[in-house]
Amino acid sequence: MPVKKTTKKKVTKKIRTKLPAKLVKYLDKAGISHEILEHRTVYTAMDTAATMKKKINEIAKALYVKADKDYYVVILPADYNLDFSKLSKCLSARADKPYKVIKIPGEKIMLKALKIKKGAVSAFGNMHKLPVAMDKGLTKVKKAVFSSGSFNHSVEMAVKDFIKLEEVIVGSFGKKKTVKKQKVVKPKRKVKAKKTVTKKK
């Protein structure tokens, strides 16, 4: 009898990441009221909102940004996109020098600059001696959920406390995402083709 070959399906496991011990010490030393939220593996701010059943504007999206040779942590509400030209003006005014190039650097460059292992972006830039800039859109909520540097943990705290702790540069450099409504195209009525009958003479 022929032997049937069984093919094994590859199962990709989502690796759980630990809460960075450095962040725990940093927050404990600061003595600011906060809550560590443990959750399933998430990679985006949108996923975080869905997982924790929070409003999208209560989730702080953290980005690492390179302005010429300087690095910043930029915080936006999750439903905002970054406006690079506005950010350039904001950071240039604060640094008292004009920045020519503002970009999001590659992961390898950031890991080397921050001297950290591969992981999620952390909103707590001061911990890595990086200045933090926040879009003022996030100040509209009392509490927000901030990324911790782990895909399985987030930190919830008062926005005003985060601003104080991180000595945040508050500015206007975000654009609220707009969802384009798709036009409903009504199907055209089918016109029945008339049959022409030719009579034989």
N, C-alpha and C. Protein backbone atom coordinates (compact mmCIF):
# COMPACT_ATOMS: atom_id res chain seq x y z
N MET A 1 0.84 -1.22 0.00
CA MET A 1 0.00 0.00 0.00
C MET A 1 0.86 1.25 0.00
N PRO A 2 0.48 2.27 -0.75
CA PRO A 2 1.29 3.51 -0.77
C PRO A 2 1.20 4.24 0.57
N VAL A 3 2.32 4.75 0.99
CA VAL A 3 2.38 5.46 2.27
C VAL A 3 2.12 6.95 2.04
N LYS A 4 1.16 7.49 2.75
CA LYS A 4 0.82 8.91 2.62
C LYS A 4 1.80 9.76 3.41
N LYS A 5 2.31 10.79 2.77
CA LYS A 5 3.24 11.71 3.43
C LYS A 5 2.46 12.81 4.12
N THR A 6 2.79 13.04 5.37
CA THR A 6 2.11 14.10 6.13
C THR A 6 3.02 15.32 6.22
N THR A 7 2.48 16.44 5.85
CA THR A 7 3.28 17.67 5.90
C THR A 7 2.94 18.44 7.17
N LYS A 8 3.96 18.81 7.90
CA LYS A 8 3.76 19.56 9.14
C LYS A 8 3.65 21.05 8.86
N LYS A 9 2.63 21.65 9.43
CA LYS A 9 2.44 23.10 9.27
C LYS A 9 3.33 23.85 10.25
N LYS A 10 3.97 24.87 9.74
CA LYS A 10 4.82 25.70 10.60
C LYS A 10 3.95 26.60 11.48
N VAL A 11 4.16 26.53 12.76
CA VAL A 11 3.40 27.36 13.70
C VAL A 11 4.31 28.46 14.21
N THR A 12 3.96 29.69 13.90
CA THR A 12 4.78 30.82 14.35
C THR A 12 4.28 31.31 15.70
N LYS A 13 5.14 31.20 16.68
CA LYS A 13 4.77 31.62 18.04
C LYS A 13 5.13 33.09 18.26
N LYS A 14 4.22 33.79 18.88
CA LYS A 14 4.49 35.18 19.22
C LYS A 14 5.29 35.20 20.51
N ILE A 15 6.49 35.70 20.43
CA ILE A 15 7.38 35.71 21.60
C ILE A 15 6.95 36.81 22.56
N ARG A 16 6.77 36.42 23.81
CA ARG A 16 6.41 37.39 24.83
C ARG A 16 7.67 38.10 25.30
N THR A 17 7.60 39.39 25.46
CA THR A 17 8.76 40.17 25.90
C THR A 17 8.56 40.66 27.33
N LYS A 18 9.64 40.73 28.06
CA LYS A 18 9.59 41.15 29.46
C LYS A 18 9.53 42.67 29.57
N LEU A 19 8.98 43.13 30.68
CA LEU A 19 8.99 44.56 30.97
C LEU A 19 10.42 44.94 31.35
N PRO A 20 11.01 45.92 30.67
CA PRO A 20 12.40 46.29 30.98
C PRO A 20 12.59 46.69 32.45
N ALA A 21 13.54 46.03 33.11
CA ALA A 21 13.82 46.29 34.54
C ALA A 21 14.25 47.75 34.74
N LYS A 22 14.94 48.30 33.72
CA LYS A 22 15.41 49.68 33.79
C LYS A 22 14.23 50.65 33.91
N LEU A 23 13.13 50.35 33.19
CA LEU A 23 11.95 51.20 33.24
C LEU A 23 11.26 51.12 34.61
N VAL A 24 11.20 49.92 35.16
CA VAL A 24 10.59 49.72 36.48
C VAL A 24 11.31 50.58 37.52
N LYS A 25 12.63 50.54 37.51
CA LYS A 25 13.45 51.33 38.45
C LYS A 25 13.25 52.82 38.21
N TYR A 26 13.21 53.19 36.94
CA TYR A 26 13.05 54.59 36.55
C TYR A 26 11.73 55.17 37.08
N LEU A 27 10.64 54.41 36.91
CA LEU A 27 9.32 54.87 37.35
C LEU A 27 9.19 54.85 38.87
N ASP A 28 9.77 53.84 39.51
CA ASP A 28 9.72 53.76 40.97
C ASP A 28 10.48 54.92 41.61
N LYS A 29 11.62 55.25 41.01
CA LYS A 29 12.45 56.35 41.52
C LYS A 29 11.73 57.69 41.34
N ALA A 30 10.99 57.83 40.24
CA ALA A 30 10.26 59.07 39.96
C ALA A 30 9.13 59.29 40.96
N GLY A 31 8.56 58.19 41.46
CA GLY A 31 7.49 58.28 42.45
C GLY A 31 6.20 58.85 41.89
N ILE A 32 6.00 58.69 40.57
CA ILE A 32 4.77 59.19 39.93
C ILE A 32 3.77 58.05 39.79
N SER A 33 2.52 58.35 40.09
CA SER A 33 1.45 57.34 40.01
C SER A 33 1.33 56.81 38.58
N HIS A 34 1.36 55.49 38.46
CA HIS A 34 1.25 54.85 37.15
C HIS A 34 0.75 53.42 37.32
N GLU A 35 0.33 52.83 36.22
CA GLU A 35 -0.14 51.44 36.24
C GLU A 35 0.50 50.68 35.09
N ILE A 36 1.09 49.52 35.41
CA ILE A 36 1.68 48.66 34.37
C ILE A 36 0.57 47.75 33.86
N LEU A 37 0.32 47.78 32.56
CA LEU A 37 -0.72 46.97 31.94
C LEU A 37 -0.07 45.84 31.14
N GLU A 38 -0.39 44.60 31.51
CA GLU A 38 0.12 43.45 30.77
C GLU A 38 -0.93 42.99 29.78
N HIS A 39 -0.52 42.68 28.57
CA HIS A 39 -1.47 42.31 27.52
C HIS A 39 -0.83 41.38 26.52
N ARG A 40 -1.64 40.91 25.57
CA ARG A 40 -1.11 40.04 24.52
C ARG A 40 -0.14 40.83 23.64
N THR A 41 0.63 40.12 22.85
CA THR A 41 1.64 40.76 21.99
C THR A 41 0.98 41.71 20.99
N VAL A 42 1.43 42.96 21.03
CA VAL A 42 0.93 43.97 20.08
C VAL A 42 2.11 44.69 19.44
N TYR A 43 1.93 45.07 18.18
CA TYR A 43 3.01 45.73 17.45
C TYR A 43 2.68 47.16 17.04
N THR A 44 1.41 47.53 17.12
CA THR A 44 1.02 48.88 16.73
C THR A 44 0.13 49.51 17.80
N ALA A 45 0.03 50.83 17.74
CA ALA A 45 -0.83 51.56 18.69
C ALA A 45 -2.29 51.17 18.49
N MET A 46 -2.68 50.91 17.24
CA MET A 46 -4.05 50.48 16.93
C MET A 46 -4.37 49.15 17.60
N ASP A 47 -3.39 48.22 17.56
CA ASP A 47 -3.56 46.92 18.21
C ASP A 47 -3.71 47.09 19.72
N THR A 48 -2.93 48.01 20.28
CA THR A 48 -2.97 48.27 21.72
C THR A 48 -4.36 48.74 22.14
N ALA A 49 -4.92 49.65 21.36
CA ALA A 49 -6.26 50.18 21.67
C ALA A 49 -7.31 49.08 21.62
N ALA A 50 -7.23 48.25 20.59
CA ALA A 50 -8.20 47.16 20.42
C ALA A 50 -8.06 46.12 21.53
N THR A 51 -6.82 45.80 21.90
CA THR A 51 -6.56 44.80 22.92
C THR A 51 -7.06 45.22 24.29
N MET A 52 -6.81 46.49 24.64
CA MET A 52 -7.17 46.97 25.97
C MET A 52 -8.52 47.68 26.03
N LYS A 53 -9.21 47.67 24.87
CA LYS A 53 -10.53 48.31 24.78
C LYS A 53 -10.50 49.77 25.26
N LYS A 54 -9.50 50.46 24.75
CA LYS A 54 -9.34 51.89 25.05
C LYS A 54 -9.69 52.71 23.82
N LYS A 55 -10.03 53.97 24.04
CA LYS A 55 -10.27 54.87 22.91
C LYS A 55 -8.94 55.12 22.21
N ILE A 56 -9.00 55.23 20.88
CA ILE A 56 -7.78 55.38 20.09
C ILE A 56 -6.98 56.63 20.47
N ASN A 57 -7.68 57.72 20.89
CA ASN A 57 -6.98 58.95 21.24
C ASN A 57 -6.34 58.89 22.63
N GLU A 58 -6.57 57.78 23.36
CA GLU A 58 -5.94 57.58 24.68
C GLU A 58 -4.65 56.77 24.58
N ILE A 59 -4.32 56.34 23.37
CA ILE A 59 -3.09 55.57 23.14
C ILE A 59 -2.02 56.50 22.57
N ALA A 60 -0.89 56.55 23.26
CA ALA A 60 0.22 57.40 22.82
C ALA A 60 1.13 56.61 21.87
N LYS A 61 1.25 57.10 20.65
CA LYS A 61 2.12 56.46 19.66
C LYS A 61 3.51 57.08 19.77
N ALA A 62 4.53 56.25 19.98
CA ALA A 62 5.90 56.75 20.14
C ALA A 62 6.73 56.44 18.89
N LEU A 63 7.47 57.44 18.43
CA LEU A 63 8.34 57.29 17.26
C LEU A 63 9.73 57.80 17.61
N TYR A 64 10.75 57.12 17.08
CA TYR A 64 12.11 57.64 17.21
C TYR A 64 12.40 58.45 15.95
N VAL A 65 12.86 59.66 16.15
CA VAL A 65 13.10 60.56 15.02
C VAL A 65 14.54 61.09 15.07
N LYS A 66 15.15 61.20 13.90
CA LYS A 66 16.50 61.77 13.80
C LYS A 66 16.40 63.13 13.12
N ALA A 67 16.86 64.15 13.82
CA ALA A 67 16.89 65.51 13.27
C ALA A 67 18.35 65.88 13.05
N ASP A 68 18.78 65.83 11.79
CA ASP A 68 20.22 65.95 11.45
C ASP A 68 21.01 64.90 12.22
N LYS A 69 21.76 65.31 13.25
CA LYS A 69 22.53 64.33 14.04
C LYS A 69 21.94 64.09 15.42
N ASP A 70 20.83 64.75 15.71
CA ASP A 70 20.18 64.62 17.03
C ASP A 70 19.02 63.63 16.97
N TYR A 71 18.78 62.97 18.10
CA TYR A 71 17.68 62.02 18.20
C TYR A 71 16.61 62.51 19.17
N TYR A 72 15.36 62.20 18.85
CA TYR A 72 14.23 62.57 19.70
C TYR A 72 13.23 61.41 19.77
N VAL A 73 12.46 61.39 20.87
CA VAL A 73 11.30 60.52 20.95
C VAL A 73 10.10 61.43 20.70
N VAL A 74 9.30 61.09 19.71
CA VAL A 74 8.13 61.91 19.35
C VAL A 74 6.86 61.14 19.71
N ILE A 75 5.97 61.80 20.46
CA ILE A 75 4.73 61.18 20.92
C ILE A 75 3.53 61.83 20.24
N LEU A 76 2.64 60.99 19.72
CA LEU A 76 1.41 61.46 19.06
C LEU A 76 0.22 60.62 19.53
N PRO A 77 -0.99 61.17 19.48
CA PRO A 77 -2.15 60.30 19.70
C PRO A 77 -2.17 59.27 18.57
N ALA A 78 -2.63 58.07 18.85
CA ALA A 78 -2.58 56.98 17.86
C ALA A 78 -3.38 57.28 16.59
N ASP A 79 -4.35 58.18 16.68
CA ASP A 79 -5.14 58.52 15.49
C ASP A 79 -4.59 59.74 14.75
N TYR A 80 -3.31 60.06 14.98
CA TYR A 80 -2.65 61.17 14.30
C TYR A 80 -1.50 60.67 13.44
N ASN A 81 -1.22 61.38 12.36
CA ASN A 81 -0.02 61.15 11.55
C ASN A 81 0.97 62.28 11.81
N LEU A 82 2.23 62.00 11.62
CA LEU A 82 3.28 63.00 11.85
C LEU A 82 3.45 63.91 10.64
N ASP A 83 3.47 65.23 10.91
CA ASP A 83 3.74 66.23 9.88
C ASP A 83 5.21 66.64 10.07
N PHE A 84 6.07 66.17 9.17
CA PHE A 84 7.52 66.37 9.32
C PHE A 84 7.92 67.85 9.26
N SER A 85 7.27 68.62 8.42
CA SER A 85 7.63 70.04 8.29
C SER A 85 7.29 70.81 9.57
N LYS A 86 6.14 70.50 10.17
CA LYS A 86 5.74 71.15 11.43
C LYS A 86 6.66 70.72 12.57
N LEU A 87 7.03 69.43 12.57
CA LEU A 87 7.94 68.93 13.61
C LEU A 87 9.30 69.61 13.49
N SER A 88 9.77 69.80 12.27
CA SER A 88 11.05 70.47 12.03
C SER A 88 11.06 71.88 12.63
N LYS A 89 9.96 72.62 12.42
CA LYS A 89 9.84 73.98 12.96
C LYS A 89 9.82 73.96 14.49
N CYS A 90 9.09 73.00 15.05
CA CYS A 90 8.96 72.89 16.50
C CYS A 90 10.30 72.58 17.16
N LEU A 91 11.01 71.58 16.62
CA LEU A 91 12.30 71.16 17.20
C LEU A 91 13.38 72.20 16.96
N SER A 92 13.35 72.83 15.80
CA SER A 92 14.34 73.87 15.46
C SER A 92 14.22 75.06 16.41
N ALA A 93 12.98 75.43 16.72
CA ALA A 93 12.74 76.56 17.63
C ALA A 93 13.24 76.23 19.03
N ARG A 94 13.03 74.98 19.46
CA ARG A 94 13.45 74.56 20.80
C ARG A 94 14.97 74.43 20.89
N ALA A 95 15.57 73.88 19.85
CA ALA A 95 17.03 73.68 19.84
C ALA A 95 17.79 74.95 19.50
N ASP A 96 17.05 75.98 19.04
CA ASP A 96 17.64 77.26 18.64
C ASP A 96 18.65 77.09 17.51
N LYS A 97 18.32 76.17 16.60
CA LYS A 97 19.12 75.95 15.39
C LYS A 97 18.23 75.30 14.34
N PRO A 98 18.45 75.61 13.08
CA PRO A 98 17.58 75.03 12.04
C PRO A 98 17.98 73.59 11.71
N TYR A 99 16.99 72.71 11.71
CA TYR A 99 17.24 71.32 11.31
C TYR A 99 16.94 71.20 9.82
N LYS A 100 17.86 70.59 9.09
CA LYS A 100 17.69 70.44 7.64
C LYS A 100 16.93 69.16 7.27
N VAL A 101 17.29 68.05 7.94
CA VAL A 101 16.68 66.76 7.61
C VAL A 101 16.04 66.12 8.84
N ILE A 102 14.75 65.85 8.76
CA ILE A 102 14.02 65.15 9.81
C ILE A 102 13.54 63.84 9.22
N LYS A 103 13.92 62.73 9.85
CA LYS A 103 13.49 61.43 9.32
C LYS A 103 13.38 60.39 10.44
N ILE A 104 12.72 59.29 10.12
CA ILE A 104 12.63 58.16 11.05
C ILE A 104 13.75 57.20 10.66
N PRO A 105 14.75 57.03 11.52
CA PRO A 105 15.89 56.18 11.16
C PRO A 105 15.55 54.70 11.20
N GLY A 106 16.41 53.89 10.61
CA GLY A 106 16.23 52.44 10.62
C GLY A 106 16.40 51.88 12.02
N GLU A 107 15.88 50.67 12.22
CA GLU A 107 15.91 50.05 13.55
C GLU A 107 17.34 49.84 14.06
N LYS A 108 18.23 49.38 13.19
CA LYS A 108 19.61 49.11 13.60
C LYS A 108 20.31 50.37 14.10
N ILE A 109 20.04 51.49 13.44
CA ILE A 109 20.65 52.77 13.84
C ILE A 109 20.18 53.18 15.22
N MET A 110 18.86 53.00 15.47
CA MET A 110 18.30 53.38 16.77
C MET A 110 18.79 52.48 17.89
N LEU A 111 18.89 51.20 17.63
CA LEU A 111 19.37 50.26 18.65
C LEU A 111 20.80 50.59 19.06
N LYS A 112 21.58 50.99 18.07
CA LYS A 112 22.97 51.37 18.34
C LYS A 112 23.04 52.69 19.10
N ALA A 113 22.20 53.64 18.73
CA ALA A 113 22.18 54.95 19.37
C ALA A 113 21.71 54.87 20.82
N LEU A 114 20.70 54.01 21.06
CA LEU A 114 20.13 53.88 22.40
C LEU A 114 20.84 52.85 23.26
N LYS A 115 21.68 52.03 22.60
CA LYS A 115 22.41 50.96 23.30
C LYS A 115 21.44 50.01 24.00
N ILE A 116 20.43 49.57 23.24
CA ILE A 116 19.44 48.64 23.78
C ILE A 116 19.29 47.45 22.84
N LYS A 117 18.67 46.38 23.37
CA LYS A 117 18.39 45.19 22.56
C LYS A 117 17.13 45.43 21.74
N LYS A 118 16.93 44.55 20.77
CA LYS A 118 15.76 44.66 19.90
C LYS A 118 14.47 44.55 20.71
N GLY A 119 13.55 45.43 20.43
CA GLY A 119 12.27 45.41 21.16
C GLY A 119 11.37 46.53 20.69
N ALA A 120 10.33 46.78 21.45
CA ALA A 120 9.38 47.83 21.10
C ALA A 120 9.96 49.20 21.43
N VAL A 121 9.37 50.22 20.84
CA VAL A 121 9.77 51.60 21.10
C VAL A 121 9.29 51.99 22.50
N SER A 122 10.14 52.69 23.23
CA SER A 122 9.75 53.18 24.56
C SER A 122 9.45 54.68 24.47
N ALA A 123 8.37 55.08 25.15
CA ALA A 123 7.99 56.50 25.15
C ALA A 123 8.84 57.31 26.12
N PHE A 124 9.55 56.61 27.00
CA PHE A 124 10.30 57.27 28.07
C PHE A 124 11.73 57.59 27.63
N GLY A 125 11.83 58.66 26.85
CA GLY A 125 13.11 59.05 26.27
C GLY A 125 14.16 59.50 27.27
N ASN A 126 13.72 60.16 28.34
CA ASN A 126 14.66 60.64 29.36
C ASN A 126 15.51 59.52 29.94
N MET A 127 14.92 58.33 29.96
CA MET A 127 15.61 57.16 30.48
C MET A 127 16.83 56.84 29.62
N HIS A 128 16.76 57.21 28.35
CA HIS A 128 17.87 56.98 27.40
C HIS A 128 18.60 58.27 27.06
N LYS A 129 18.32 59.31 27.86
CA LYS A 129 18.93 60.63 27.67
C LYS A 129 18.57 61.23 26.31
N LEU A 130 17.30 61.01 25.92
CA LEU A 130 16.78 61.59 24.69
C LEU A 130 15.65 62.55 25.01
N PRO A 131 15.62 63.72 24.36
CA PRO A 131 14.51 64.65 24.59
C PRO A 131 13.21 64.09 24.00
N VAL A 132 12.09 64.45 24.62
CA VAL A 132 10.78 63.95 24.19
C VAL A 132 9.92 65.11 23.71
N ALA A 133 9.32 64.96 22.54
CA ALA A 133 8.40 65.96 22.00
C ALA A 133 7.02 65.32 21.89
N MET A 134 5.98 66.06 22.29
CA MET A 134 4.62 65.53 22.25
C MET A 134 3.68 66.47 21.52
N ASP A 135 2.84 65.91 20.68
CA ASP A 135 1.82 66.73 20.01
C ASP A 135 0.76 67.11 21.04
N LYS A 136 0.32 68.36 20.98
CA LYS A 136 -0.62 68.87 21.98
C LYS A 136 -1.99 68.17 21.92
N GLY A 137 -2.22 67.41 20.84
CA GLY A 137 -3.47 66.65 20.72
C GLY A 137 -3.64 65.65 21.85
N LEU A 138 -2.52 65.17 22.39
CA LEU A 138 -2.59 64.18 23.48
C LEU A 138 -2.96 64.81 24.82
N THR A 139 -2.79 66.13 24.93
CA THR A 139 -3.12 66.82 26.18
C THR A 139 -4.63 66.96 26.38
N LYS A 140 -5.41 66.55 25.37
CA LYS A 140 -6.87 66.63 25.47
C LYS A 140 -7.46 65.53 26.35
N VAL A 141 -6.64 64.49 26.63
CA VAL A 141 -7.10 63.40 27.50
C VAL A 141 -6.36 63.47 28.85
N LYS A 142 -7.02 63.04 29.91
CA LYS A 142 -6.40 63.08 31.24
C LYS A 142 -5.32 62.01 31.39
N LYS A 143 -5.68 60.79 30.98
CA LYS A 143 -4.75 59.66 31.07
C LYS A 143 -4.48 59.09 29.69
N ALA A 144 -3.28 58.54 29.52
CA ALA A 144 -2.93 57.91 28.25
C ALA A 144 -2.11 56.66 28.52
N VAL A 145 -2.07 55.80 27.52
CA VAL A 145 -1.30 54.55 27.60
C VAL A 145 -0.03 54.73 26.77
N PHE A 146 1.12 54.58 27.44
CA PHE A 146 2.43 54.82 26.81
C PHE A 146 3.19 53.51 26.61
N SER A 147 3.95 53.44 25.52
CA SER A 147 4.74 52.24 25.24
C SER A 147 5.91 52.13 26.20
N SER A 148 6.22 50.88 26.57
CA SER A 148 7.21 50.64 27.63
C SER A 148 8.55 50.10 27.14
N GLY A 149 8.59 49.68 25.87
CA GLY A 149 9.79 49.00 25.39
C GLY A 149 9.58 47.50 25.34
N SER A 150 8.35 47.07 25.65
CA SER A 150 7.96 45.65 25.60
C SER A 150 6.70 45.54 24.74
N PHE A 151 6.61 44.45 23.98
CA PHE A 151 5.42 44.23 23.16
C PHE A 151 4.24 43.72 23.99
N ASN A 152 4.49 43.39 25.24
CA ASN A 152 3.45 42.81 26.10
C ASN A 152 3.11 43.65 27.33
N HIS A 153 3.69 44.84 27.42
CA HIS A 153 3.43 45.71 28.57
C HIS A 153 3.31 47.17 28.11
N SER A 154 2.42 47.89 28.75
CA SER A 154 2.27 49.33 28.51
C SER A 154 2.14 50.01 29.86
N VAL A 155 2.33 51.33 29.85
CA VAL A 155 2.24 52.11 31.10
C VAL A 155 1.14 53.13 30.95
N GLU A 156 0.18 53.09 31.87
CA GLU A 156 -0.90 54.07 31.88
C GLU A 156 -0.63 55.08 32.98
N MET A 157 -0.68 56.35 32.63
CA MET A 157 -0.45 57.40 33.61
C MET A 157 -1.08 58.71 33.13
N ALA A 158 -1.19 59.66 34.05
CA ALA A 158 -1.75 60.97 33.71
C ALA A 158 -0.81 61.67 32.72
N VAL A 159 -1.38 62.28 31.70
CA VAL A 159 -0.58 62.96 30.67
C VAL A 159 0.25 64.08 31.29
N LYS A 160 -0.33 64.83 32.24
CA LYS A 160 0.40 65.93 32.88
C LYS A 160 1.61 65.41 33.66
N ASP A 161 1.49 64.20 34.24
CA ASP A 161 2.61 63.59 34.97
C ASP A 161 3.71 63.15 34.01
N PHE A 162 3.30 62.63 32.85
CA PHE A 162 4.28 62.22 31.83
C PHE A 162 5.05 63.43 31.33
N ILE A 163 4.34 64.53 31.09
CA ILE A 163 4.97 65.77 30.62
C ILE A 163 6.00 66.27 31.63
N LYS A 164 5.65 66.18 32.91
CA LYS A 164 6.54 66.63 33.98
C LYS A 164 7.76 65.71 34.09
N LEU A 165 7.50 64.40 34.06
CA LEU A 165 8.57 63.40 34.20
C LEU A 165 9.58 63.48 33.07
N GLU A 166 9.07 63.61 31.83
CA GLU A 166 9.94 63.58 30.65
C GLU A 166 10.40 64.95 30.17
N GLU A 167 9.96 66.01 30.90
CA GLU A 167 10.30 67.39 30.51
C GLU A 167 9.99 67.60 29.02
N VAL A 168 8.75 67.28 28.70
CA VAL A 168 8.29 67.21 27.31
C VAL A 168 8.24 68.56 26.59
N ILE A 169 8.63 68.53 25.32
CA ILE A 169 8.46 69.67 24.42
C ILE A 169 7.07 69.50 23.81
N VAL A 170 6.13 70.35 24.15
CA VAL A 170 4.77 70.23 23.62
C VAL A 170 4.62 71.16 22.41
N GLY A 171 4.15 70.61 21.32
CA GLY A 171 3.98 71.41 20.10
C GLY A 171 2.86 70.87 19.24
N SER A 172 2.67 71.50 18.10
CA SER A 172 1.62 71.08 17.18
C SER A 172 2.27 70.58 15.89
N PHE A 173 2.37 69.26 15.77
CA PHE A 173 3.02 68.68 14.58
C PHE A 173 2.35 67.38 14.13
N GLY A 174 1.10 67.21 14.54
CA GLY A 174 0.35 66.01 14.14
C GLY A 174 -0.86 66.36 13.30
N LYS A 175 -1.23 65.45 12.44
CA LYS A 175 -2.44 65.60 11.61
C LYS A 175 -3.37 64.45 11.96
N LYS A 176 -4.62 64.79 12.27
CA LYS A 176 -5.59 63.73 12.57
C LYS A 176 -5.87 62.95 11.30
N LYS A 177 -5.86 61.62 11.44
CA LYS A 177 -6.11 60.76 10.28
C LYS A 177 -7.54 60.93 9.80
N THR A 178 -7.69 61.01 8.50
CA THR A 178 -9.03 61.13 7.93
C THR A 178 -9.36 59.86 7.18
N VAL A 179 -10.52 59.32 7.47
CA VAL A 179 -10.96 58.11 6.80
C VAL A 179 -11.82 58.50 5.61
N LYS A 180 -11.34 58.17 4.46
CA LYS A 180 -12.06 58.52 3.23
C LYS A 180 -13.26 57.60 3.03
N LYS A 181 -14.40 58.22 2.82
CA LYS A 181 -15.60 57.44 2.56
C LYS A 181 -15.63 57.01 1.10
N GLN A 182 -15.85 55.75 0.91
CA GLN A 182 -15.91 55.24 -0.46
C GLN A 182 -17.25 55.56 -1.09
N LYS A 183 -17.20 56.01 -2.32
CA LYS A 183 -18.44 56.34 -3.04
C LYS A 183 -19.16 55.05 -3.45
N VAL A 184 -20.42 55.04 -3.16
CA VAL A 184 -21.23 53.88 -3.54
C VAL A 184 -21.69 54.07 -4.99
N VAL A 185 -21.21 53.20 -5.83
CA VAL A 185 -21.56 53.29 -7.24
C VAL A 185 -22.75 52.38 -7.50
N LYS A 186 -23.84 53.00 -7.92
CA LYS A 186 -25.05 52.23 -8.20
C LYS A 186 -24.88 51.49 -9.52
N PRO A 187 -25.23 50.21 -9.50
CA PRO A 187 -25.09 49.45 -10.76
C PRO A 187 -26.05 49.96 -11.82
N LYS A 188 -25.55 50.05 -13.02
CA LYS A 188 -26.38 50.52 -14.12
C LYS A 188 -27.42 49.46 -14.49
N ARG A 189 -28.61 49.94 -14.84
CA ARG A 189 -29.66 49.01 -15.24
C ARG A 189 -29.30 48.34 -16.56
N LYS A 190 -29.50 47.05 -16.54
CA LYS A 190 -29.19 46.30 -17.76
C LYS A 190 -30.31 46.49 -18.78
N VAL A 191 -29.94 46.89 -19.94
CA VAL A 191 -30.93 47.08 -21.01
C VAL A 191 -31.02 45.78 -21.81
N LYS A 192 -32.21 45.25 -21.82
CA LYS A 192 -32.39 43.99 -22.55
C LYS A 192 -32.27 44.23 -24.05
N ALA A 193 -31.46 43.41 -24.64
CA ALA A 193 -31.25 43.53 -26.10
C ALA A 193 -32.46 42.99 -26.84
N LYS A 194 -32.96 43.81 -27.78
CA LYS A 194 -34.14 43.38 -28.57
C LYS A 194 -33.70 42.45 -29.68
N LYS A 195 -34.43 41.38 -29.77
CA LYS A 195 -34.12 40.41 -30.80
C LYS A 195 -34.79 40.85 -32.12
N THR A 196 -34.04 40.83 -33.14
CA THR A 196 -34.60 41.17 -34.47
C THR A 196 -34.81 39.88 -35.25
N VAL A 197 -36.02 39.69 -35.65
CA VAL A 197 -36.34 38.45 -36.38
C VAL A 197 -36.50 38.79 -37.87
N THR A 198 -35.72 38.17 -38.65
CA THR A 198 -35.82 38.40 -40.12
C THR A 198 -36.68 37.29 -40.73
N LYS A 199 -37.75 37.73 -41.39
CA LYS A 199 -38.66 36.75 -42.02
C LYS A 199 -38.12 36.34 -43.39
N LYS A 200 -38.21 35.06 -43.59
CA LYS A 200 -37.78 34.55 -44.89
C LYS A 200 -38.87 34.82 -45.94
N LYS A 201 -38.42 35.28 -47.04
CA LYS A 201 -39.36 35.57 -48.12
C LYS A 201 -39.69 34.30 -48.91
